[in-house]
Amino acid sequence: MARRRRRNDGGHWAVLGGVGLLLVVLAVGGAAAYFKINAHVMDAETLCPAEGPLGHVVVLVDKTDPLNFTQNEAFQVLLEKIITQEVAPGELVSVFALGEDYKTTAKPLIEICNPGDGSDKNALTSNVKRLKRQFSERFRSPLLAVSNELQAQHPADHSPLLEMIQLVSINGFRAHGIEQNRRLIIVSDMLHNTPEFSMYKGTYDYAAFSGTPYGRKMQVELPGVSVELHYVLNSPLLQTRRHLKFWEDYFSRAGAKVVAVRPMEG
């Protein structure tokens, strides 16, 4: 009887060991399945979700006039804020520069999606350190690196802002066709200045402008786009409420809406 009991005890421990092993296998398999299901599959080059970006933030920076010291400080803080707070994970950001010759700045300087920094992830189910490093090295740093390309050393004779917004519409929003969460952030004094039309003459009547041949050529489509203007106050006497009304009417005609206006320091 004693020998039989020992055999039963051995069998009992063998069963327990088998159950334990099964539980380990199930746990590992479940974790693998969880990671597979919850993995954030993204494009290796653009860092965008494989199924497409979740939104589109276009940043247009006017570099037809140099920034003074204070303006540059404010711009650097703004750029950091846009990168780290204004672009949600999974959204695409496209950065354009406005130069005197809009044909040379027709394409974005950089386009990349925010891969997320891991701050919303569980360290037990995600490699938070890897996500944070990827965010810093492949998203934040490349965007900050174009800062020098967004600034001028000398003032330009012309500022073709209307032409550039058309190109932003074509090569930014329309090129990607992202329907949701479309935002346009402009850093500029918003004083369009070309031989065909100059705001330095105090002409701010959009209704009258839109009826001219040049005004009809400058029509643009920005359906559903939220517009944020960061005014560089180079000419405060010209940058009046009437001046802002021109742009509100312009964007409204384009199907967009100005949702924020913020004068920059300096």
Protein backbone atom coordinates (compact mmCIF):
# COMPACT_ATOMS: atom_id res chain seq x y z
CA MET A 1 0.00 0.00 0.00
CA ALA A 2 2.83 2.41 0.81
CA ARG A 3 4.48 1.83 -2.56
CA ARG A 4 1.16 2.47 -4.31
CA ARG A 5 0.72 5.71 -2.40
CA ARG A 6 4.16 6.86 -3.48
CA ARG A 7 3.33 6.11 -7.10
CA ASN A 8 0.10 8.08 -6.78
CA ASP A 9 2.00 11.01 -5.21
CA GLY A 10 4.44 10.96 -8.11
CA GLY A 11 1.57 10.93 -10.56
CA HIS A 12 -0.05 13.77 -8.67
CA TRP A 13 3.07 15.94 -8.97
CA ALA A 14 3.44 14.98 -12.61
CA VAL A 15 -0.11 16.17 -13.27
CA LEU A 16 0.55 19.41 -11.42
CA GLY A 17 3.77 19.90 -13.38
CA GLY A 18 1.94 19.32 -16.64
CA VAL A 19 -0.77 21.78 -15.70
CA GLY A 20 1.86 24.34 -14.76
CA LEU A 21 3.65 23.87 -18.03
CA LEU A 22 0.37 24.21 -19.90
CA LEU A 23 -0.38 27.45 -18.07
CA VAL A 24 3.05 28.83 -18.97
CA VAL A 25 2.54 27.90 -22.62
CA LEU A 26 -0.91 29.49 -22.63
CA ALA A 27 0.43 32.64 -20.96
CA VAL A 28 3.25 32.99 -23.47
CA GLY A 29 0.92 32.28 -26.35
CA GLY A 30 -1.64 34.74 -25.02
CA ALA A 31 0.99 37.45 -24.62
CA ALA A 32 2.23 36.82 -28.16
CA ALA A 33 -1.31 37.02 -29.49
CA TYR A 34 -1.90 40.22 -27.51
CA PHE A 35 1.20 41.86 -28.93
CA LYS A 36 0.26 40.74 -32.43
CA ILE A 37 -3.25 42.12 -32.15
CA ASN A 38 -2.24 45.34 -30.39
CA ALA A 39 0.98 46.04 -32.28
CA HIS A 40 0.96 49.45 -33.94
CA VAL A 41 1.79 48.47 -37.49
CA MET A 42 3.33 51.43 -39.32
CA ASP A 43 5.16 52.28 -42.49
CA ALA A 44 8.89 51.92 -41.88
CA GLU A 45 9.77 55.11 -43.76
CA THR A 46 6.98 57.56 -42.93
CA LEU A 47 6.06 56.11 -39.51
CA CYS A 48 2.40 56.43 -40.57
CA PRO A 49 -0.15 53.77 -39.63
CA ALA A 50 -0.31 51.04 -42.27
CA GLU A 51 -3.98 51.83 -42.86
CA GLY A 52 -3.17 55.51 -43.42
CA PRO A 53 -2.65 58.66 -41.31
CA LEU A 54 -5.31 59.56 -38.77
CA GLY A 55 -5.12 63.27 -39.55
CA HIS A 56 -3.04 65.87 -41.37
CA VAL A 57 -1.32 68.93 -39.89
CA VAL A 58 0.26 71.25 -42.46
CA VAL A 59 2.68 73.90 -41.19
CA LEU A 60 3.49 76.85 -43.45
CA VAL A 61 6.27 79.18 -42.30
CA ASP A 62 6.85 82.53 -44.02
CA LYS A 63 10.56 83.17 -44.45
CA THR A 64 10.37 86.24 -46.68
CA ASP A 65 11.45 88.40 -43.72
CA PRO A 66 14.12 87.58 -41.11
CA LEU A 67 12.92 87.07 -37.55
CA ASN A 68 14.36 89.34 -34.90
CA PHE A 69 15.80 87.82 -31.74
CA THR A 70 12.55 87.75 -29.75
CA GLN A 71 10.53 86.48 -32.70
CA ASN A 72 13.04 83.69 -33.23
CA GLU A 73 12.82 82.67 -29.58
CA ALA A 74 9.01 82.59 -29.81
CA PHE A 75 9.19 80.63 -33.06
CA GLN A 76 11.47 77.96 -31.59
CA VAL A 77 9.09 77.46 -28.67
CA LEU A 78 6.13 77.33 -31.08
CA LEU A 79 7.84 74.76 -33.29
CA GLU A 80 8.60 72.55 -30.29
CA LYS A 81 4.98 72.85 -29.16
CA ILE A 82 3.64 71.93 -32.59
CA ILE A 83 5.86 68.86 -32.75
CA THR A 84 5.22 67.58 -29.23
CA GLN A 85 1.65 68.74 -28.58
CA GLU A 86 -0.17 69.69 -31.78
CA VAL A 87 0.37 66.52 -33.83
CA ALA A 88 -1.41 63.50 -32.36
CA PRO A 89 0.02 59.98 -32.67
CA GLY A 90 -0.77 58.60 -36.11
CA GLU A 91 -1.20 62.04 -37.69
CA LEU A 92 0.90 63.25 -40.61
CA VAL A 93 2.74 66.57 -40.42
CA SER A 94 3.90 68.37 -43.58
CA VAL A 95 6.18 71.42 -43.29
CA PHE A 96 6.34 74.04 -46.05
CA ALA A 97 8.40 77.23 -46.33
CA LEU A 98 7.19 80.39 -48.06
CA GLY A 99 10.01 82.00 -50.03
CA GLU A 100 10.13 84.82 -52.52
CA ASP A 101 10.03 82.32 -55.40
CA TYR A 102 7.15 80.03 -54.52
CA LYS A 103 8.12 77.65 -57.35
CA THR A 104 11.25 76.63 -55.45
CA THR A 105 9.31 75.96 -52.23
CA ALA A 106 6.34 74.17 -53.80
CA LYS A 107 7.09 70.85 -52.09
CA PRO A 108 7.20 70.15 -48.33
CA LEU A 109 10.58 70.23 -46.63
CA ILE A 110 9.62 67.18 -44.60
CA GLU A 111 6.62 64.89 -44.17
CA ILE A 112 6.39 62.33 -41.39
CA CYS A 113 3.84 60.86 -39.00
CA ASN A 114 3.99 61.05 -35.23
CA PRO A 115 4.70 57.45 -34.15
CA GLY A 116 3.84 58.23 -30.53
CA ASP A 117 6.31 58.52 -27.67
CA GLY A 118 4.96 55.62 -25.64
CA SER A 119 3.59 57.84 -22.86
CA ASP A 120 0.14 56.31 -23.31
CA LYS A 121 1.43 52.72 -23.32
CA ASN A 122 1.74 50.11 -20.59
CA ALA A 123 5.35 49.20 -19.88
CA LEU A 124 4.29 45.58 -19.35
CA THR A 125 2.86 45.24 -22.85
CA SER A 126 4.93 47.74 -24.86
CA ASN A 127 8.58 48.64 -25.32
CA VAL A 128 8.19 52.17 -24.00
CA LYS A 129 11.92 52.96 -24.19
CA ARG A 130 12.04 52.00 -27.86
CA LEU A 131 8.94 54.09 -28.63
CA LYS A 132 10.40 57.10 -26.83
CA ARG A 133 13.71 56.76 -28.69
CA GLN A 134 11.91 56.39 -32.02
CA PHE A 135 9.82 59.50 -31.33
CA SER A 136 12.92 61.53 -30.45
CA GLU A 137 15.28 60.32 -33.17
CA ARG A 138 12.93 59.82 -36.12
CA PHE A 139 10.19 62.40 -35.52
CA ARG A 140 11.12 65.26 -33.20
CA SER A 141 14.78 65.68 -34.21
CA PRO A 142 14.23 65.69 -38.01
CA LEU A 143 11.44 68.24 -37.66
CA LEU A 144 13.52 70.53 -35.46
CA ALA A 145 16.42 70.15 -37.90
CA VAL A 146 14.51 72.02 -40.65
CA SER A 147 14.26 75.11 -38.43
CA ASN A 148 17.16 76.82 -40.21
CA GLU A 149 15.48 76.25 -43.58
CA LEU A 150 12.41 78.08 -42.31
CA GLN A 151 14.24 81.35 -41.66
CA ALA A 152 15.63 84.03 -43.94
CA GLN A 153 18.85 85.98 -43.67
CA HIS A 154 17.65 88.93 -45.74
CA PRO A 155 14.22 90.45 -46.46
CA ALA A 156 12.63 89.50 -49.78
CA ASP A 157 11.10 91.89 -52.26
CA HIS A 158 7.94 89.84 -52.62
CA SER A 159 5.82 87.56 -50.46
CA PRO A 160 3.55 85.35 -52.62
CA LEU A 161 1.43 84.06 -49.77
CA LEU A 162 -1.69 83.40 -51.85
CA GLU A 163 0.27 81.33 -54.39
CA MET A 164 1.89 79.36 -51.59
CA ILE A 165 -1.42 78.52 -49.91
CA GLN A 166 -2.60 77.13 -53.25
CA LEU A 167 0.49 74.90 -53.37
CA VAL A 168 -0.08 73.82 -49.77
CA SER A 169 -3.59 72.78 -50.78
CA ILE A 170 -2.31 70.84 -53.81
CA ASN A 171 0.95 69.30 -52.54
CA GLY A 172 -0.13 69.00 -48.93
CA PHE A 173 -3.79 68.23 -48.31
CA ARG A 174 -4.84 67.07 -51.77
CA ALA A 175 -1.73 64.95 -52.36
CA HIS A 176 -2.58 62.75 -49.38
CA GLY A 177 -6.36 62.91 -49.38
CA ILE A 178 -6.72 62.57 -45.61
CA GLU A 179 -10.33 63.45 -44.84
CA GLN A 180 -10.31 63.83 -41.05
CA ASN A 181 -8.53 66.16 -38.64
CA ARG A 182 -7.18 68.56 -41.29
CA ARG A 183 -5.33 71.56 -39.83
CA LEU A 184 -3.28 74.38 -41.33
CA ILE A 185 -0.87 76.31 -39.09
CA ILE A 186 0.60 79.46 -40.65
CA VAL A 187 3.46 81.49 -39.18
CA SER A 188 3.56 84.77 -41.12
CA ASP A 189 2.80 88.46 -41.06
CA MET A 190 0.04 87.52 -43.56
CA LEU A 191 0.95 90.51 -45.74
CA HIS A 192 0.76 89.20 -49.29
CA ASN A 193 2.98 91.25 -51.58
CA THR A 194 3.37 90.64 -55.31
CA PRO A 195 3.25 92.95 -58.35
CA GLU A 196 -0.32 91.78 -59.00
CA PHE A 197 -1.57 92.52 -55.47
CA SER A 198 0.06 94.10 -52.45
CA MET A 199 -1.41 94.40 -48.97
CA TYR A 200 1.12 97.10 -48.20
CA LYS A 201 -1.24 99.41 -50.08
CA GLY A 202 -3.92 98.82 -47.46
CA THR A 203 -6.24 96.89 -49.81
CA TYR A 204 -8.10 94.50 -47.52
CA ASP A 205 -11.53 94.14 -49.16
CA TYR A 206 -11.77 90.46 -50.01
CA ALA A 207 -15.06 90.77 -51.89
CA ALA A 208 -13.53 93.36 -54.22
CA PHE A 209 -10.29 91.39 -54.54
CA SER A 210 -12.01 88.09 -55.35
CA GLY A 211 -13.74 89.72 -58.33
CA THR A 212 -10.48 90.76 -60.00
CA PRO A 213 -8.73 88.51 -62.55
CA TYR A 214 -5.87 87.91 -60.11
CA GLY A 215 -8.30 87.25 -57.27
CA ARG A 216 -10.11 84.62 -59.33
CA LYS A 217 -6.76 82.96 -60.13
CA MET A 218 -5.94 82.79 -56.42
CA GLN A 219 -9.05 80.81 -55.43
CA VAL A 220 -8.26 77.72 -53.36
CA GLU A 221 -10.08 74.72 -51.93
CA LEU A 222 -9.51 73.76 -48.29
CA PRO A 223 -12.71 71.95 -47.30
CA GLY A 224 -13.00 71.18 -43.61
CA VAL A 225 -9.58 72.62 -42.75
CA SER A 226 -9.11 74.38 -39.41
CA VAL A 227 -6.71 77.31 -39.77
CA GLU A 228 -4.46 78.69 -37.04
CA LEU A 229 -2.67 81.98 -37.70
CA HIS A 230 0.46 82.98 -35.79
CA TYR A 231 0.94 86.63 -36.67
CA VAL A 232 4.50 87.89 -36.94
CA LEU A 233 3.98 91.56 -36.16
CA ASN A 234 6.35 93.16 -38.66
CA SER A 235 3.94 95.96 -39.58
CA PRO A 236 1.38 96.44 -36.77
CA LEU A 237 -0.17 99.50 -38.45
CA LEU A 238 -1.13 97.33 -41.42
CA GLN A 239 -2.04 94.20 -39.46
CA THR A 240 -5.42 95.45 -38.34
CA ARG A 241 -8.81 93.87 -37.75
CA ARG A 242 -9.68 94.70 -41.37
CA HIS A 243 -6.59 92.81 -42.46
CA LEU A 244 -7.63 89.76 -40.45
CA LYS A 245 -11.17 90.01 -41.89
CA PHE A 246 -9.71 89.62 -45.39
CA TRP A 247 -8.18 86.28 -44.41
CA GLU A 248 -11.26 85.11 -42.54
CA ASP A 249 -13.33 85.74 -45.68
CA TYR A 250 -10.68 84.15 -47.88
CA PHE A 251 -10.54 80.93 -45.88
CA SER A 252 -14.31 80.82 -45.49
CA ARG A 253 -14.64 80.99 -49.28
CA ALA A 254 -12.19 78.07 -49.48
CA GLY A 255 -14.35 75.95 -47.14
CA ALA A 256 -11.97 76.40 -44.21
CA LYS A 257 -12.32 78.24 -40.91
CA VAL A 258 -9.91 80.39 -38.91
CA VAL A 259 -10.11 78.90 -35.42
CA ALA A 260 -7.22 80.72 -33.72
CA VAL A 261 -5.24 83.94 -34.18
CA ARG A 262 -2.17 84.45 -32.02
CA PRO A 263 0.23 87.41 -32.35
CA MET A 264 3.84 86.37 -31.83
CA GLU A 265 6.03 88.30 -29.45
CA GLY A 266 8.59 90.65 -30.92
